[in-house]
Amino acid sequence: MTDAPRRRRQSPAVYRRRRLAAGLLALIVIGLVVWLVAAPPWRVAPTAAPSSDPSASAASASPSATAAAPSAAATPTAGPTATPTPSVPAGPIECTAANITVEALSDKAEYAQGENPQLSIRLSNASATPCVLNVGTSAQSFTVTSGTDVWWRSTDCQSEPSDMEVTLAAGQVVTSSAPLTWDRTRSSVSSCDGERPYAPGGGATYHLSVSIGGIPSAGTASFVLQ
């Protein structure tokens, strides 16, 4: 009877490799089970606990509403600055040299022998405001000169001077209605009732200056006596 074939024995090295492979496989299986238990992939991150403060919840729910709210500490815009209104006089002011122009006038530029000059005053209110002025004879002064020689003053022998206040409207021009006559003599306070010398003629030039209410004329009126 023939003997059955013998099973070939494996070498010890083959057994060792098989045991090592089985051990590694077991470790892989164990590690996978531990990972699945410790950190499963479907676990949801925990949410924050709801706040008990309703205002905080409203603020977190609507951040845009808080940002859009106007600031209560905003500085108000300053209004336009009021311009002071200049005070207006209750009535006409007193006329001064600043608003009144005074001119000396003679009715002619040349007078024949024996002809007496007629002298007047012209007033102009060049301002935009009415003013009051005393235009009476007490406030008037006429002076006739020749060079530096003063020949005649209306105040030297004036009798019964009077006051008369008038209101000159803005832009108004007035001239004395009754001219003053110069009799071509030299005046002085000491010779009002006596004989007085006559001013030379023959083509001599004389100058008239006037003032009224203390305002002098801007220039003189020149004329010639024959």
C-alpha atoms as a PDB file:
ATOM      1  CA  MET A   1       0.000   0.000   0.000  1.00  0.00           C
ATOM      2  CA  THR A   2       1.359   3.259  -1.103  1.00  0.00           C
ATOM      3  CA  ASP A   3       1.842   5.975   1.534  1.00  0.00           C
ATOM      4  CA  ALA A   4      -0.338   9.137   1.195  1.00  0.00           C
ATOM      5  CA  PRO A   5       1.536  12.249   0.180  1.00  0.00           C
ATOM      6  CA  ARG A   6       2.857  14.277   3.081  1.00  0.00           C
ATOM      7  CA  ARG A   7       1.758  17.927   3.626  1.00  0.00           C
ATOM      8  CA  ARG A   8       4.592  20.277   3.066  1.00  0.00           C
ATOM      9  CA  ARG A   9       5.549  22.118   6.267  1.00  0.00           C
ATOM     10  CA  GLN A  10       5.740  25.846   6.083  1.00  0.00           C
ATOM     11  CA  SER A  11       8.836  27.544   7.228  1.00  0.00           C
ATOM     12  CA  PRO A  12       8.830  29.510  10.476  1.00  0.00           C
ATOM     13  CA  ALA A  13       9.339  32.785   8.548  1.00  0.00           C
ATOM     14  CA  VAL A  14       6.031  32.339   6.717  1.00  0.00           C
ATOM     15  CA  TYR A  15       4.226  31.875  10.013  1.00  0.00           C
ATOM     16  CA  ARG A  16       5.789  34.968  11.427  1.00  0.00           C
ATOM     17  CA  ARG A  17       4.674  37.092   8.426  1.00  0.00           C
ATOM     18  CA  ARG A  18       1.135  35.794   8.656  1.00  0.00           C
ATOM     19  CA  ARG A  19       0.930  36.563  12.363  1.00  0.00           C
ATOM     20  CA  LEU A  20       2.293  40.094  11.749  1.00  0.00           C
ATOM     21  CA  ALA A  21      -0.270  40.769   8.980  1.00  0.00           C
ATOM     22  CA  ALA A  22      -3.113  39.510  11.171  1.00  0.00           C
ATOM     23  CA  GLY A  23      -1.961  41.685  14.049  1.00  0.00           C
ATOM     24  CA  LEU A  24      -1.820  44.820  11.832  1.00  0.00           C
ATOM     25  CA  LEU A  25      -5.285  44.149  10.472  1.00  0.00           C
ATOM     26  CA  ALA A  26      -6.632  43.796  13.991  1.00  0.00           C
ATOM     27  CA  LEU A  27      -5.052  47.124  15.034  1.00  0.00           C
ATOM     28  CA  ILE A  28      -6.596  48.901  12.020  1.00  0.00           C
ATOM     29  CA  VAL A  29     -10.049  47.579  12.833  1.00  0.00           C
ATOM     30  CA  ILE A  30      -9.778  48.571  16.494  1.00  0.00           C
ATOM     31  CA  GLY A  31      -8.574  52.105  15.636  1.00  0.00           C
ATOM     32  CA  LEU A  32     -11.431  52.637  13.205  1.00  0.00           C
ATOM     33  CA  VAL A  33     -13.997  51.602  15.802  1.00  0.00           C
ATOM     34  CA  VAL A  34     -12.488  53.949  18.397  1.00  0.00           C
ATOM     35  CA  TRP A  35     -12.561  56.984  15.949  1.00  0.00           C
ATOM     36  CA  LEU A  36     -16.180  56.364  15.005  1.00  0.00           C
ATOM     37  CA  VAL A  37     -17.200  56.300  18.662  1.00  0.00           C
ATOM     38  CA  ALA A  38     -15.095  59.311  19.753  1.00  0.00           C
ATOM     39  CA  ALA A  39     -15.846  61.755  16.879  1.00  0.00           C
ATOM     40  CA  PRO A  40     -18.702  60.762  14.590  1.00  0.00           C
ATOM     41  CA  PRO A  41     -18.837  62.913  11.466  1.00  0.00           C
ATOM     42  CA  TRP A  42     -22.559  63.931  11.841  1.00  0.00           C
ATOM     43  CA  ARG A  43     -22.112  65.632  15.179  1.00  0.00           C
ATOM     44  CA  VAL A  44     -23.448  69.240  14.945  1.00  0.00           C
ATOM     45  CA  ALA A  45     -21.495  72.021  16.635  1.00  0.00           C
ATOM     46  CA  PRO A  46     -23.314  73.244  19.749  1.00  0.00           C
ATOM     47  CA  THR A  47     -25.224  76.511  19.341  1.00  0.00           C
ATOM     48  CA  ALA A  48     -24.952  79.395  21.823  1.00  0.00           C
ATOM     49  CA  ALA A  49     -27.515  79.454  24.559  1.00  0.00           C
ATOM     50  CA  PRO A  50     -30.302  82.049  23.910  1.00  0.00           C
ATOM     51  CA  SER A  51     -29.869  85.312  25.825  1.00  0.00           C
ATOM     52  CA  SER A  52     -32.411  86.291  28.447  1.00  0.00           C
ATOM     53  CA  ASP A  53     -32.042  90.067  27.558  1.00  0.00           C
ATOM     54  CA  PRO A  54     -34.709  90.934  24.920  1.00  0.00           C
ATOM     55  CA  SER A  55     -32.888  94.124  23.900  1.00  0.00           C
ATOM     56  CA  ALA A  56     -29.702  92.146  23.212  1.00  0.00           C
ATOM     57  CA  SER A  57     -31.689  89.663  21.127  1.00  0.00           C
ATOM     58  CA  ALA A  58     -33.288  92.427  19.107  1.00  0.00           C
ATOM     59  CA  ALA A  59     -29.912  94.053  18.553  1.00  0.00           C
ATOM     60  CA  SER A  60     -28.330  90.813  17.383  1.00  0.00           C
ATOM     61  CA  ALA A  61     -31.319  90.033  15.167  1.00  0.00           C
ATOM     62  CA  SER A  62     -31.364  93.464  13.433  1.00  0.00           C
ATOM     63  CA  PRO A  63     -27.836  94.964  13.362  1.00  0.00           C
ATOM     64  CA  SER A  64     -28.734  97.184  10.397  1.00  0.00           C
ATOM     65  CA  ALA A  65     -31.531  98.899  12.362  1.00  0.00           C
ATOM     66  CA  THR A  66     -29.079  99.973  15.067  1.00  0.00           C
ATOM     67  CA  ALA A  67     -26.624 101.337  12.528  1.00  0.00           C
ATOM     68  CA  ALA A  68     -29.320 103.348  10.753  1.00  0.00           C
ATOM     69  CA  ALA A  69     -30.640 105.048  13.901  1.00  0.00           C
ATOM     70  CA  PRO A  70     -29.779 108.786  14.004  1.00  0.00           C
ATOM     71  CA  SER A  71     -27.399 110.037  16.681  1.00  0.00           C
ATOM     72  CA  ALA A  72     -29.107 111.991  19.460  1.00  0.00           C
ATOM     73  CA  ALA A  73     -25.868 113.892  20.174  1.00  0.00           C
ATOM     74  CA  ALA A  74     -25.643 115.433  16.710  1.00  0.00           C
ATOM     75  CA  THR A  75     -24.816 119.162  16.828  1.00  0.00           C
ATOM     76  CA  PRO A  76     -27.654 121.277  15.332  1.00  0.00           C
ATOM     77  CA  THR A  77     -26.750 123.417  12.340  1.00  0.00           C
ATOM     78  CA  ALA A  78     -26.464 127.101  13.231  1.00  0.00           C
ATOM     79  CA  GLY A  79     -29.016 129.363  11.566  1.00  0.00           C
ATOM     80  CA  PRO A  80     -28.141 132.509   9.605  1.00  0.00           C
ATOM     81  CA  THR A  81     -26.672 135.351  11.632  1.00  0.00           C
ATOM     82  CA  ALA A  82     -29.060 138.266  11.917  1.00  0.00           C
ATOM     83  CA  THR A  83     -27.705 141.562  10.599  1.00  0.00           C
ATOM     84  CA  PRO A  84     -28.338 144.478  12.970  1.00  0.00           C
ATOM     85  CA  THR A  85     -30.733 147.019  11.522  1.00  0.00           C
ATOM     86  CA  PRO A  86     -29.308 150.536  11.694  1.00  0.00           C
ATOM     87  CA  SER A  87     -31.344 152.898  13.800  1.00  0.00           C
ATOM     88  CA  VAL A  88     -33.352 155.457  11.852  1.00  0.00           C
ATOM     89  CA  PRO A  89     -33.731 158.972  13.277  1.00  0.00           C
ATOM     90  CA  ALA A  90     -37.254 159.791  14.416  1.00  0.00           C
ATOM     91  CA  GLY A  91     -37.248 163.035  12.392  1.00  0.00           C
ATOM     92  CA  PRO A  92     -35.039 165.261  10.206  1.00  0.00           C
ATOM     93  CA  ILE A  93     -31.505 165.659  11.494  1.00  0.00           C
ATOM     94  CA  GLU A  94     -29.592 168.919  11.783  1.00  0.00           C
ATOM     95  CA  CYS A  95     -27.905 170.031   8.569  1.00  0.00           C
ATOM     96  CA  THR A  96     -24.117 169.949   8.621  1.00  0.00           C
ATOM     97  CA  ALA A  97     -21.277 170.570   6.194  1.00  0.00           C
ATOM     98  CA  ALA A  98     -21.332 166.845   5.458  1.00  0.00           C
ATOM     99  CA  ASN A  99     -24.717 167.004   3.722  1.00  0.00           C
ATOM    100  CA  ILE A 100     -25.193 170.686   2.792  1.00  0.00           C
ATOM    101  CA  THR A 101     -23.426 172.635   0.052  1.00  0.00           C
ATOM    102  CA  VAL A 102     -23.402 176.439   0.345  1.00  0.00           C
ATOM    103  CA  GLU A 103     -22.734 178.688  -2.687  1.00  0.00           C
ATOM    104  CA  ALA A 104     -22.244 182.444  -2.968  1.00  0.00           C
ATOM    105  CA  LEU A 105     -24.136 184.133  -5.813  1.00  0.00           C
ATOM    106  CA  SER A 106     -24.145 187.566  -7.428  1.00  0.00           C
ATOM    107  CA  ASP A 107     -26.800 188.562  -9.945  1.00  0.00           C
ATOM    108  CA  LYS A 108     -24.177 189.781 -12.426  1.00  0.00           C
ATOM    109  CA  ALA A 109     -20.540 189.236 -13.267  1.00  0.00           C
ATOM    110  CA  GLU A 110     -19.968 192.974 -13.930  1.00  0.00           C
ATOM    111  CA  TYR A 111     -21.644 196.120 -12.639  1.00  0.00           C
ATOM    112  CA  ALA A 112     -21.717 199.496 -14.289  1.00  0.00           C
ATOM    113  CA  GLN A 113     -20.808 202.635 -12.384  1.00  0.00           C
ATOM    114  CA  GLY A 114     -23.473 203.365  -9.764  1.00  0.00           C
ATOM    115  CA  GLU A 115     -25.053 199.884 -10.073  1.00  0.00           C
ATOM    116  CA  ASN A 116     -25.210 197.944  -6.785  1.00  0.00           C
ATOM    117  CA  PRO A 117     -24.531 194.181  -6.654  1.00  0.00           C
ATOM    118  CA  GLN A 118     -27.366 191.881  -5.534  1.00  0.00           C
ATOM    119  CA  LEU A 119     -25.971 189.076  -3.404  1.00  0.00           C
ATOM    120  CA  SER A 120     -27.628 185.746  -2.582  1.00  0.00           C
ATOM    121  CA  ILE A 121     -27.038 182.288  -1.071  1.00  0.00           C
ATOM    122  CA  ARG A 122     -27.801 178.908  -2.640  1.00  0.00           C
ATOM    123  CA  LEU A 123     -28.217 175.753  -0.514  1.00  0.00           C
ATOM    124  CA  SER A 124     -28.152 172.160  -1.732  1.00  0.00           C
ATOM    125  CA  ASN A 125     -28.974 169.089   0.352  1.00  0.00           C
ATOM    126  CA  ALA A 126     -26.810 166.540  -1.426  1.00  0.00           C
ATOM    127  CA  SER A 127     -27.637 163.732   1.016  1.00  0.00           C
ATOM    128  CA  ALA A 128     -30.452 161.168   0.982  1.00  0.00           C
ATOM    129  CA  THR A 129     -31.827 162.409   4.319  1.00  0.00           C
ATOM    130  CA  PRO A 130     -33.894 165.523   5.105  1.00  0.00           C
ATOM    131  CA  CYS A 131     -32.274 167.999   7.481  1.00  0.00           C
ATOM    132  CA  VAL A 132     -33.203 171.133   9.384  1.00  0.00           C
ATOM    133  CA  LEU A 133     -31.296 174.438   9.096  1.00  0.00           C
ATOM    134  CA  ASN A 134     -31.697 177.965  10.431  1.00  0.00           C
ATOM    135  CA  VAL A 135     -31.746 180.174   7.342  1.00  0.00           C
ATOM    136  CA  GLY A 136     -32.733 183.400   9.107  1.00  0.00           C
ATOM    137  CA  THR A 137     -30.681 186.594   8.864  1.00  0.00           C
ATOM    138  CA  SER A 138     -29.124 185.786  12.262  1.00  0.00           C
ATOM    139  CA  ALA A 139     -27.448 182.742  10.705  1.00  0.00           C
ATOM    140  CA  GLN A 140     -26.332 184.461   7.453  1.00  0.00           C
ATOM    141  CA  SER A 141     -22.993 186.120   6.765  1.00  0.00           C
ATOM    142  CA  PHE A 142     -21.887 187.891   3.546  1.00  0.00           C
ATOM    143  CA  THR A 143     -18.323 189.099   3.114  1.00  0.00           C
ATOM    144  CA  VAL A 144     -16.903 191.118   0.172  1.00  0.00           C
ATOM    145  CA  THR A 145     -13.137 191.250  -0.278  1.00  0.00           C
ATOM    146  CA  SER A 146     -10.649 192.596  -2.784  1.00  0.00           C
ATOM    147  CA  GLY A 147      -7.430 190.648  -2.512  1.00  0.00           C
ATOM    148  CA  THR A 148      -6.721 190.466   1.230  1.00  0.00           C
ATOM    149  CA  ASP A 149      -8.711 193.635   1.958  1.00  0.00           C
ATOM    150  CA  VAL A 150     -12.094 193.038   3.580  1.00  0.00           C
ATOM    151  CA  TRP A 151     -14.459 195.684   2.224  1.00  0.00           C
ATOM    152  CA  TRP A 152     -17.806 194.763   3.576  1.00  0.00           C
ATOM    153  CA  ARG A 153     -19.521 192.402   6.075  1.00  0.00           C
ATOM    154  CA  SER A 154     -23.280 192.041   6.346  1.00  0.00           C
ATOM    155  CA  THR A 155     -22.983 191.486  10.121  1.00  0.00           C
ATOM    156  CA  ASP A 156     -21.194 194.793  10.800  1.00  0.00           C
ATOM    157  CA  CYS A 157     -24.346 196.904  10.752  1.00  0.00           C
ATOM    158  CA  GLN A 158     -27.068 194.280  10.797  1.00  0.00           C
ATOM    159  CA  SER A 159     -30.349 195.345  12.406  1.00  0.00           C
ATOM    160  CA  GLU A 160     -33.043 193.125  13.899  1.00  0.00           C
ATOM    161  CA  PRO A 161     -31.602 189.716  12.979  1.00  0.00           C
ATOM    162  CA  SER A 162     -34.174 186.919  12.922  1.00  0.00           C
ATOM    163  CA  ASP A 163     -34.257 183.108  12.967  1.00  0.00           C
ATOM    164  CA  MET A 164     -36.124 180.901  10.541  1.00  0.00           C
ATOM    165  CA  GLU A 165     -35.742 177.133  10.539  1.00  0.00           C
ATOM    166  CA  VAL A 166     -36.566 175.193   7.389  1.00  0.00           C
ATOM    167  CA  THR A 167     -36.427 171.521   6.450  1.00  0.00           C
ATOM    168  CA  LEU A 168     -34.433 170.761   3.344  1.00  0.00           C
ATOM    169  CA  ALA A 169     -35.614 167.594   1.646  1.00  0.00           C
ATOM    170  CA  ALA A 170     -33.103 165.110   0.290  1.00  0.00           C
ATOM    171  CA  GLY A 171     -31.643 166.495  -2.944  1.00  0.00           C
ATOM    172  CA  GLN A 172     -33.438 169.842  -2.560  1.00  0.00           C
ATOM    173  CA  VAL A 173     -31.814 173.058  -3.846  1.00  0.00           C
ATOM    174  CA  VAL A 174     -32.992 176.481  -2.621  1.00  0.00           C
ATOM    175  CA  THR A 175     -31.862 180.054  -3.220  1.00  0.00           C
ATOM    176  CA  SER A 176     -32.550 183.107  -1.043  1.00  0.00           C
ATOM    177  CA  SER A 177     -35.647 184.842  -2.452  1.00  0.00           C
ATOM    178  CA  ALA A 178     -34.696 188.372  -1.405  1.00  0.00           C
ATOM    179  CA  PRO A 179     -31.076 189.212  -2.340  1.00  0.00           C
ATOM    180  CA  LEU A 180     -28.982 191.437  -0.135  1.00  0.00           C
ATOM    181  CA  THR A 181     -27.819 194.710  -1.683  1.00  0.00           C
ATOM    182  CA  TRP A 182     -24.259 195.938  -1.258  1.00  0.00           C
ATOM    183  CA  ASP A 183     -24.096 199.672  -1.591  1.00  0.00           C
ATOM    184  CA  ARG A 184     -20.423 199.507  -2.660  1.00  0.00           C
ATOM    185  CA  THR A 185     -19.159 201.115   0.555  1.00  0.00           C
ATOM    186  CA  ARG A 186     -16.695 199.940   3.205  1.00  0.00           C
ATOM    187  CA  SER A 187     -18.403 198.682   6.365  1.00  0.00           C
ATOM    188  CA  SER A 188     -17.331 198.749   9.991  1.00  0.00           C
ATOM    189  CA  VAL A 189     -19.181 198.517  13.286  1.00  0.00           C
ATOM    190  CA  SER A 190     -18.135 202.062  14.092  1.00  0.00           C
ATOM    191  CA  SER A 191     -19.418 203.694  10.910  1.00  0.00           C
ATOM    192  CA  CYS A 192     -22.947 202.292  10.551  1.00  0.00           C
ATOM    193  CA  ASP A 193     -24.607 205.731  10.799  1.00  0.00           C
ATOM    194  CA  GLY A 194     -21.945 207.934   9.189  1.00  0.00           C
ATOM    195  CA  GLU A 195     -20.387 208.500   5.803  1.00  0.00           C
ATOM    196  CA  ARG A 196     -18.410 205.570   4.465  1.00  0.00           C
ATOM    197  CA  PRO A 197     -15.918 205.448   1.617  1.00  0.00           C
ATOM    198  CA  TYR A 198     -16.933 203.852  -1.680  1.00  0.00           C
ATOM    199  CA  ALA A 199     -15.160 200.906  -3.137  1.00  0.00           C
ATOM    200  CA  PRO A 200     -13.036 201.719  -6.189  1.00  0.00           C
ATOM    201  CA  GLY A 201     -14.495 200.824  -9.592  1.00  0.00           C
ATOM    202  CA  GLY A 202     -12.859 201.053 -12.972  1.00  0.00           C
ATOM    203  CA  GLY A 203     -12.677 197.286 -13.486  1.00  0.00           C
ATOM    204  CA  ALA A 204     -11.680 196.271  -9.951  1.00  0.00           C
ATOM    205  CA  THR A 205     -12.494 192.657  -9.066  1.00  0.00           C
ATOM    206  CA  TYR A 206     -14.255 191.705  -5.836  1.00  0.00           C
ATOM    207  CA  HIS A 207     -15.051 188.341  -4.275  1.00  0.00           C
ATOM    208  CA  LEU A 208     -18.128 187.333  -2.312  1.00  0.00           C
ATOM    209  CA  SER A 209     -18.013 184.540   0.293  1.00  0.00           C
ATOM    210  CA  VAL A 210     -20.982 183.513   2.419  1.00  0.00           C
ATOM    211  CA  SER A 211     -21.858 181.215   5.287  1.00  0.00           C
ATOM    212  CA  ILE A 212     -25.143 180.082   6.826  1.00  0.00           C
ATOM    213  CA  GLY A 213     -25.693 178.168  10.006  1.00  0.00           C
ATOM    214  CA  GLY A 214     -21.925 178.070  10.449  1.00  0.00           C
ATOM    215  CA  ILE A 215     -21.451 176.279   7.100  1.00  0.00           C
ATOM    216  CA  PRO A 216     -19.145 178.277   4.797  1.00  0.00           C
ATOM    217  CA  SER A 217     -19.448 178.445   1.029  1.00  0.00           C
ATOM    218  CA  ALA A 218     -17.217 176.118  -0.959  1.00  0.00           C
ATOM    219  CA  GLY A 219     -15.821 179.009  -3.017  1.00  0.00           C
ATOM    220  CA  THR A 220     -16.462 182.634  -3.875  1.00  0.00           C
ATOM    221  CA  ALA A 221     -18.465 184.520  -6.478  1.00  0.00           C
ATOM    222  CA  SER A 222     -16.312 186.992  -8.393  1.00  0.00           C
ATOM    223  CA  PHE A 223     -17.567 190.198 -10.010  1.00  0.00           C
ATOM    224  CA  VAL A 224     -16.203 193.401 -11.453  1.00  0.00           C
ATOM    225  CA  LEU A 225     -17.108 196.996 -10.495  1.00  0.00           C
ATOM    226  CA  GLN A 226     -16.877 199.754 -13.094  1.00  0.00           C
END
